[in-house]
Amino acid sequence: MKKIVCSLLLALITLSVEAQEKQTVHSIIVEWHETEWYLTQEKLWKAEVDKDNKNADAWMNYYSAVRAVRNCSSENEKLRNSYTELGHKIAKECYAILPESFESNYIMYWDGGLGISDEKFLKKAFDIKPNDPRVLLDYLINSEIKRDKNTFSKVAKKLYEINRMPSGALNWAYNVLTEVSENGIVFTAGDNDTYALWIVQEAMNYRKDVTVINTSLILLADYRVKILKEKGISPVEFEHTEAAKYALFKHLFENNANIPVHVSVSASSQFTDSNITDHLYLTGLTYVYSSDNVENIALIKRNFEKRFLLDHLTKTFSNSYGDLDTRIKHMYLPGLIKMYKHSLSADDLEGVAYYGGLLNKIAKELGVEAEIQKTLAE
């Protein structure tokens, strides 16, 4: 729905590149726009670089726009490959001109790719701007991959101190951790859902018995070996094919250590094979994997009514750039819909009013009222 609305606005309000203003281009994990917006910003910031190739900020925004177009082009392989190559070119040109700048070193590291980038660029960027959240987030990932728990904890606490994650995202992460089984594993899929859980665990010293596993990071061989060994899970061979990926996750779900495994709602789209999805039971903000049937309504009700902190769904307690506080509310919809329908079938008028009210508020904020009403009517 959000994409449809944005597309309509773009069609109604057509402005030339010259008429539009340059804007800071944040990573798509912070603030998401339509591809057309990034294409416009790419042209505007390239013009700035052409005017003054010593303008480090222009280089950063130019690269960020190009990277965003690449990331938004997953269904257009030709465009994605073209913008991948353009990103490499920008990174090298910027570094050649401004080798001592924060921007050039960070772009070089950022452009390298997960598990591939030369750490000297990250270290140089950190030395120049040790409190920059972008560098800190990359250090967080880097230390997690290495399983450097001391550095990982320090960086996570620093990110909490500088308010890198909006309060709503941290509140969501707290609720997810509250729900996960003791000593369990929870799969995440994106950047922000993973960061938020890590930060809450370290900064609040909360539910550190839970192992947060990002579905992309676990594909890295050295990291996977370390995690499986720590958890007492037997090793597994892996090649980068869909069949091997399915086998890996099936191995983790049915691990020999009998560790309970959850999937965050934010990661549920990663699993589409019925041999896995038929065994995933919604329990609130996660799905728990079980070979036996799970009476999940009672668990969802317990979590929403006894464990979750939900004030952030109706009140905003902090200002932050980007729209993550709003987007994170999507994760509550499956559980709220389940509870609304359960309340309706049980003639629980109080529950119908409560869950219906939350659904209506969130749906309106997200611009998905029609979709939610259709789902509730089914």
Protein backbone atom coordinates (compact mmCIF):
# COMPACT_ATOMS: atom_id res chain seq x y z
CA MET A 1 0.00 0.00 0.00
CA LYS A 2 2.80 2.37 0.92
CA LYS A 3 4.44 1.74 -2.45
CA ILE A 4 1.16 2.40 -4.27
CA VAL A 5 0.62 5.70 -2.44
CA CYS A 6 4.20 6.82 -3.12
CA SER A 7 3.87 5.88 -6.80
CA LEU A 8 0.66 7.92 -7.13
CA LEU A 9 2.31 10.92 -5.54
CA LEU A 10 5.25 10.62 -7.91
CA ALA A 11 2.87 10.50 -10.86
CA LEU A 12 0.94 13.56 -9.69
CA ILE A 13 3.93 15.64 -8.67
CA THR A 14 6.48 15.41 -11.46
CA LEU A 15 9.46 17.65 -10.94
CA SER A 16 12.59 17.96 -13.01
CA VAL A 17 15.91 17.02 -11.47
CA GLU A 18 16.96 20.66 -11.55
CA ALA A 19 13.89 21.72 -9.57
CA GLN A 20 14.43 19.22 -6.78
CA GLU A 21 16.74 19.80 -3.87
CA LYS A 22 19.61 17.66 -2.74
CA GLN A 23 18.83 15.71 0.41
CA THR A 24 20.96 13.56 2.65
CA VAL A 25 20.76 9.98 1.43
CA HIS A 26 20.60 7.65 4.39
CA SER A 27 21.01 3.90 4.13
CA ILE A 28 17.75 2.17 3.25
CA ILE A 29 17.82 0.50 6.67
CA VAL A 30 17.38 3.96 8.19
CA GLU A 31 15.05 5.64 5.71
CA TRP A 32 13.40 4.11 2.67
CA HIS A 33 12.32 5.90 -0.50
CA GLU A 34 11.08 4.91 -3.94
CA THR A 35 13.76 4.08 -6.52
CA GLU A 36 12.94 7.26 -8.46
CA TRP A 37 13.91 9.36 -5.46
CA TYR A 38 17.32 7.69 -5.28
CA LEU A 39 17.84 8.09 -9.02
CA THR A 40 17.13 11.80 -8.67
CA GLN A 41 19.51 12.16 -5.73
CA GLU A 42 22.16 10.25 -7.66
CA LYS A 43 22.08 12.86 -10.45
CA LEU A 44 22.02 15.80 -8.04
CA TRP A 45 24.94 14.57 -5.96
CA LYS A 46 26.97 13.54 -9.00
CA ALA A 47 26.63 17.13 -10.21
CA GLU A 48 28.09 18.28 -6.87
CA VAL A 49 31.01 15.87 -7.22
CA ASP A 50 31.63 17.10 -10.76
CA LYS A 51 31.70 20.70 -9.48
CA ASP A 52 34.06 19.92 -6.59
CA ASN A 53 35.66 16.50 -6.38
CA LYS A 54 37.08 17.33 -2.94
CA ASN A 55 33.57 17.52 -1.48
CA ALA A 56 33.58 14.41 0.73
CA ASP A 57 29.93 14.80 1.73
CA ALA A 58 28.90 14.86 -1.92
CA TRP A 59 30.83 11.65 -2.55
CA MET A 60 29.10 9.96 0.40
CA ASN A 61 25.63 10.93 -0.76
CA TYR A 62 26.41 10.06 -4.38
CA TYR A 63 27.60 6.60 -3.37
CA SER A 64 24.69 6.11 -0.95
CA ALA A 65 22.16 6.89 -3.69
CA VAL A 66 23.82 4.50 -6.12
CA ARG A 67 23.98 1.77 -3.48
CA ALA A 68 20.29 2.26 -2.68
CA VAL A 69 19.32 1.90 -6.35
CA ARG A 70 21.34 -1.30 -6.48
CA ASN A 71 19.62 -2.67 -3.38
CA CYS A 72 16.17 -1.73 -4.70
CA SER A 73 16.81 -3.53 -8.01
CA SER A 74 16.71 -7.16 -6.90
CA GLU A 75 14.20 -7.99 -9.66
CA ASN A 76 16.20 -6.27 -12.40
CA GLU A 77 19.51 -8.10 -12.67
CA LYS A 78 20.88 -5.89 -15.43
CA LEU A 79 20.22 -2.69 -13.48
CA ARG A 80 21.52 -4.21 -10.26
CA ASN A 81 24.77 -5.31 -11.92
CA SER A 82 25.18 -1.90 -13.55
CA TYR A 83 24.80 -0.09 -10.24
CA THR A 84 27.05 -2.56 -8.45
CA GLU A 85 29.83 -1.71 -10.89
CA LEU A 86 29.09 2.01 -10.60
CA GLY A 87 29.38 1.73 -6.82
CA HIS A 88 32.80 0.08 -7.14
CA LYS A 89 33.90 2.86 -9.49
CA ILE A 90 32.73 5.63 -7.15
CA ALA A 91 34.44 4.03 -4.15
CA LYS A 92 37.79 3.78 -5.95
CA GLU A 93 37.59 7.31 -7.38
CA CYS A 94 36.68 8.84 -4.03
CA TYR A 95 39.50 7.01 -2.25
CA ALA A 96 42.03 8.05 -4.89
CA ILE A 97 41.11 11.72 -4.41
CA LEU A 98 40.45 11.79 -0.63
CA PRO A 99 42.38 8.87 0.91
CA GLU A 100 42.55 10.43 4.38
CA SER A 101 38.86 11.28 4.68
CA PHE A 102 36.29 9.45 6.78
CA GLU A 103 33.95 9.26 3.79
CA SER A 104 36.38 7.60 1.39
CA ASN A 105 37.49 4.99 3.90
CA TYR A 106 33.96 4.21 4.99
CA ILE A 107 32.77 3.96 1.37
CA MET A 108 35.63 1.57 0.56
CA TYR A 109 34.70 -0.67 3.48
CA TRP A 110 30.96 -0.42 2.81
CA ASP A 111 31.45 -1.25 -0.85
CA GLY A 112 33.51 -4.34 -0.14
CA GLY A 113 30.69 -6.55 1.03
CA LEU A 114 29.95 -8.69 4.07
CA GLY A 115 32.91 -10.82 5.11
CA ILE A 116 35.00 -9.50 2.20
CA SER A 117 35.85 -5.88 3.02
CA ASP A 118 39.37 -4.90 4.02
CA GLU A 119 39.22 -4.00 7.72
CA LYS A 120 41.91 -1.34 7.35
CA PHE A 121 39.28 0.96 5.83
CA LEU A 122 36.88 0.41 8.73
CA LYS A 123 39.65 1.02 11.25
CA LYS A 124 40.69 4.25 9.51
CA ALA A 125 37.09 5.49 9.41
CA PHE A 126 36.68 4.62 13.09
CA ASP A 127 39.88 6.46 14.02
CA ILE A 128 38.52 9.59 12.32
CA LYS A 129 34.94 9.38 13.67
CA PRO A 130 34.76 6.88 16.55
CA ASN A 131 31.18 7.82 17.44
CA ASP A 132 29.72 7.64 13.95
CA PRO A 133 26.80 5.16 14.12
CA ARG A 134 27.53 3.77 10.66
CA VAL A 135 31.02 2.73 11.69
CA LEU A 136 29.81 1.40 15.02
CA LEU A 137 27.18 -0.77 13.33
CA ASP A 138 29.80 -2.22 11.01
CA TYR A 139 32.07 -2.88 13.99
CA LEU A 140 29.15 -4.63 15.67
CA ILE A 141 28.75 -6.98 12.71
CA ASN A 142 32.50 -7.44 12.39
CA SER A 143 32.90 -8.41 16.04
CA GLU A 144 29.90 -10.75 15.84
CA ILE A 145 31.36 -12.57 12.85
CA LYS A 146 34.64 -12.97 14.75
CA ARG A 147 32.73 -13.86 17.93
CA ASP A 148 34.75 -11.17 19.70
CA LYS A 149 32.27 -10.90 22.55
CA ASN A 150 34.12 -8.18 24.46
CA THR A 151 34.22 -5.75 21.52
CA PHE A 152 30.68 -6.74 20.53
CA SER A 153 29.33 -5.82 23.97
CA LYS A 154 31.19 -2.50 24.11
CA VAL A 155 29.98 -1.44 20.67
CA ALA A 156 26.37 -2.47 21.36
CA LYS A 157 26.37 -0.44 24.58
CA LYS A 158 27.84 2.56 22.74
CA LEU A 159 25.09 2.37 20.12
CA TYR A 160 22.54 2.37 22.92
CA GLU A 161 24.18 5.40 24.55
CA ILE A 162 24.10 7.46 21.35
CA ASN A 163 20.45 6.50 20.69
CA ARG A 164 21.20 4.89 17.34
CA MET A 165 18.05 2.77 17.47
CA PRO A 166 14.67 4.47 18.01
CA SER A 167 12.83 3.56 21.18
CA GLY A 168 10.06 1.73 19.34
CA ALA A 169 12.53 -0.65 17.73
CA LEU A 170 14.18 -1.36 21.08
CA ASN A 171 10.78 -1.90 22.67
CA TRP A 172 9.93 -4.39 19.90
CA ALA A 173 13.25 -6.17 20.45
CA TYR A 174 12.59 -6.40 24.19
CA ASN A 175 9.22 -7.99 23.46
CA VAL A 176 10.72 -10.49 21.02
CA LEU A 177 13.33 -11.56 23.55
CA THR A 178 10.65 -11.84 26.24
CA GLU A 179 8.88 -14.40 24.08
CA VAL A 180 11.78 -16.67 23.06
CA SER A 181 12.19 -19.98 24.88
CA GLU A 182 14.95 -20.31 27.47
CA ASN A 183 18.39 -20.74 25.83
CA GLY A 184 16.64 -20.60 22.47
CA ILE A 185 17.66 -19.40 19.04
CA VAL A 186 15.78 -16.68 17.17
CA PHE A 187 16.31 -16.03 13.47
CA THR A 188 16.32 -12.48 12.14
CA ALA A 189 16.67 -11.42 8.51
CA GLY A 190 17.39 -7.73 8.14
CA ASP A 191 19.77 -5.20 9.63
CA ASN A 192 17.57 -3.29 12.04
CA ASP A 193 15.77 -6.28 13.53
CA THR A 194 19.14 -7.89 14.25
CA TYR A 195 20.79 -4.73 15.62
CA ALA A 196 17.86 -3.96 17.91
CA LEU A 197 17.93 -7.41 19.53
CA TRP A 198 21.70 -7.32 20.01
CA ILE A 199 21.62 -3.84 21.52
CA VAL A 200 18.85 -4.71 24.00
CA GLN A 201 20.68 -7.88 25.06
CA GLU A 202 23.96 -6.09 25.73
CA ALA A 203 22.88 -2.63 26.90
CA MET A 204 20.06 -3.88 29.12
CA ASN A 205 21.75 -7.18 30.03
CA TYR A 206 18.48 -8.85 29.08
CA ARG A 207 17.88 -12.39 27.83
CA LYS A 208 21.50 -13.01 26.93
CA ASP A 209 20.68 -16.71 27.02
CA VAL A 210 19.02 -16.21 23.62
CA THR A 211 21.17 -16.60 20.50
CA VAL A 212 20.20 -14.15 17.76
CA ILE A 213 21.13 -15.57 14.35
CA ASN A 214 20.85 -13.47 11.22
CA THR A 215 19.84 -15.61 8.24
CA SER A 216 22.46 -13.95 6.02
CA LEU A 217 25.35 -14.06 8.49
CA ILE A 218 24.87 -17.77 9.17
CA LEU A 219 25.72 -18.44 5.51
CA LEU A 220 29.31 -17.29 6.18
CA ALA A 221 31.39 -20.45 6.61
CA ASP A 222 33.77 -19.45 9.42
CA TYR A 223 31.02 -17.77 11.41
CA ARG A 224 28.67 -20.72 10.99
CA VAL A 225 31.31 -23.16 12.25
CA LYS A 226 31.85 -21.04 15.37
CA ILE A 227 28.14 -20.67 16.15
CA LEU A 228 27.31 -24.34 15.68
CA LYS A 229 30.26 -25.39 17.82
CA GLU A 230 29.25 -23.00 20.61
CA LYS A 231 25.68 -24.31 20.57
CA GLY A 232 26.71 -27.96 20.44
CA ILE A 233 25.02 -28.42 17.07
CA SER A 234 26.63 -30.88 14.67
CA PRO A 235 28.41 -29.29 11.68
CA VAL A 236 26.78 -29.24 8.27
CA GLU A 237 28.18 -28.95 4.75
CA PHE A 238 26.95 -25.93 2.84
CA GLU A 239 27.13 -24.69 -0.73
CA HIS A 240 25.47 -21.53 -1.98
CA THR A 241 22.44 -23.15 -3.58
CA GLU A 242 18.78 -22.99 -2.62
CA ALA A 243 18.74 -26.71 -1.86
CA ALA A 244 21.76 -26.39 0.43
CA LYS A 245 20.24 -23.35 2.13
CA TYR A 246 17.05 -25.29 2.84
CA ALA A 247 19.09 -28.22 4.20
CA LEU A 248 21.09 -25.89 6.45
CA PHE A 249 18.04 -24.31 8.05
CA LYS A 250 16.24 -27.64 8.35
CA HIS A 251 19.35 -28.88 10.17
CA LEU A 252 19.20 -25.91 12.53
CA PHE A 253 15.47 -26.17 13.16
CA GLU A 254 15.80 -29.87 14.01
CA ASN A 255 19.18 -29.53 15.71
CA ASN A 256 20.66 -32.45 17.63
CA ALA A 257 21.13 -30.27 20.73
CA ASN A 258 17.34 -29.92 21.10
CA ILE A 259 17.62 -26.14 21.25
CA PRO A 260 14.23 -24.45 20.70
CA VAL A 261 14.23 -22.33 17.55
CA HIS A 262 12.09 -19.28 16.85
CA VAL A 263 11.72 -17.15 13.73
CA SER A 264 11.04 -13.45 14.16
CA VAL A 265 8.02 -12.26 12.20
CA SER A 266 10.53 -9.96 10.47
CA ALA A 267 12.31 -13.06 9.10
CA SER A 268 9.29 -15.23 8.30
CA SER A 269 9.45 -14.47 4.56
CA GLN A 270 12.83 -16.21 4.43
CA PHE A 271 11.14 -19.56 4.87
CA THR A 272 8.73 -20.68 2.15
CA ASP A 273 9.14 -24.46 1.93
CA SER A 274 6.13 -26.21 3.45
CA ASN A 275 8.44 -28.74 5.11
CA ILE A 276 9.47 -25.85 7.34
CA THR A 277 6.46 -23.52 7.36
CA ASP A 278 4.06 -26.33 8.32
CA HIS A 279 5.97 -26.58 11.60
CA LEU A 280 6.09 -22.87 12.43
CA TYR A 281 3.53 -21.68 14.98
CA LEU A 282 2.92 -18.00 15.66
CA THR A 283 3.39 -17.14 19.34
CA GLY A 284 3.22 -13.35 19.17
CA LEU A 285 6.18 -11.67 17.52
CA THR A 286 7.90 -14.92 16.58
CA TYR A 287 7.07 -18.32 15.20
CA VAL A 288 8.31 -21.34 17.13
CA TYR A 289 9.36 -24.45 15.24
CA SER A 290 7.81 -27.67 16.48
CA SER A 291 7.29 -31.15 15.03
CA ASP A 292 4.24 -31.45 17.31
CA ASN A 293 1.09 -29.35 17.16
CA VAL A 294 1.25 -26.22 19.30
CA GLU A 295 -1.85 -24.67 20.86
CA ASN A 296 -0.57 -21.22 20.10
CA ILE A 297 -3.57 -19.02 20.92
CA ALA A 298 -2.86 -19.33 24.65
CA LEU A 299 0.79 -18.39 24.05
CA ILE A 300 -0.10 -15.37 21.93
CA LYS A 301 -2.61 -14.22 24.54
CA ARG A 302 -0.09 -14.65 27.35
CA ASN A 303 2.56 -12.71 25.47
CA PHE A 304 0.33 -9.80 24.48
CA GLU A 305 -1.43 -9.52 27.82
CA LYS A 306 1.24 -10.54 30.34
CA ARG A 307 4.68 -10.05 28.82
CA PHE A 308 4.81 -7.48 26.04
CA LEU A 309 5.29 -3.78 26.68
CA LEU A 310 2.94 -2.16 24.15
CA ASP A 311 2.77 1.55 24.97
CA HIS A 312 4.96 2.37 21.97
CA LEU A 313 2.19 1.17 19.65
CA THR A 314 0.02 4.10 20.66
CA LYS A 315 2.52 6.70 21.93
CA THR A 316 5.84 7.95 20.59
CA PHE A 317 8.46 8.57 23.25
CA SER A 318 11.38 9.84 21.18
CA ASN A 319 12.22 11.55 17.93
CA SER A 320 14.46 9.82 15.44
CA TYR A 321 15.31 10.26 11.78
CA GLY A 322 13.96 7.63 9.45
CA ASP A 323 10.72 5.71 9.74
CA LEU A 324 11.81 2.58 11.60
CA ASP A 325 9.54 3.22 14.58
CA THR A 326 6.59 3.10 12.20
CA ARG A 327 7.78 0.21 10.04
CA ILE A 328 8.49 -2.01 13.05
CA LYS A 329 4.79 -1.97 13.89
CA HIS A 330 4.17 -4.25 10.91
CA MET A 331 5.61 -7.04 13.05
CA TYR A 332 2.72 -6.85 15.49
CA LEU A 333 -0.03 -7.31 12.91
CA PRO A 334 -0.11 -11.15 12.63
CA GLY A 335 -0.43 -11.58 16.40
CA LEU A 336 -2.96 -8.79 16.80
CA ILE A 337 -5.10 -10.22 14.01
CA LYS A 338 -5.03 -13.64 15.69
CA MET A 339 -6.08 -12.13 19.02
CA TYR A 340 -8.83 -10.03 17.45
CA LYS A 341 -10.34 -13.06 15.72
CA HIS A 342 -10.01 -15.17 18.87
CA SER A 343 -11.74 -12.49 20.95
CA LEU A 344 -14.51 -12.30 18.36
CA SER A 345 -15.11 -16.05 18.37
CA ALA A 346 -15.07 -16.12 22.19
CA ASP A 347 -17.57 -13.23 22.45
CA ASP A 348 -14.92 -11.31 24.38
CA LEU A 349 -16.18 -7.79 23.72
CA GLU A 350 -13.40 -6.19 25.74
CA GLY A 351 -10.79 -8.07 23.72
CA VAL A 352 -12.50 -7.17 20.44
CA ALA A 353 -12.43 -3.49 21.38
CA TYR A 354 -8.83 -3.57 22.60
CA TYR A 355 -7.26 -5.52 19.74
CA GLY A 356 -9.51 -3.90 17.16
CA GLY A 357 -8.44 -0.49 18.41
CA LEU A 358 -4.74 -1.34 18.15
CA LEU A 359 -5.20 -2.81 14.68
CA ASN A 360 -7.08 0.24 13.44
CA LYS A 361 -4.47 2.64 14.79
CA ILE A 362 -1.52 0.73 13.34
CA ALA A 363 -3.27 0.11 10.02
CA LYS A 364 -4.01 3.81 9.65
CA GLU A 365 -0.44 4.77 10.50
CA LEU A 366 0.93 2.26 7.99
CA GLY A 367 -1.65 3.07 5.33
CA VAL A 368 -2.99 -0.49 5.14
CA GLU A 369 -6.56 -0.03 6.42
CA ALA A 370 -8.21 -1.74 3.44
CA GLU A 371 -5.90 -4.76 3.63
CA ILE A 372 -6.48 -5.20 7.37
CA GLN A 373 -10.24 -4.85 7.05
CA LYS A 374 -10.25 -7.48 4.30
CA THR A 375 -8.19 -9.85 6.46
CA LEU A 376 -10.45 -9.36 9.47
CA ALA A 377 -13.52 -10.09 7.37
CA GLU A 378 -12.18 -13.43 6.12
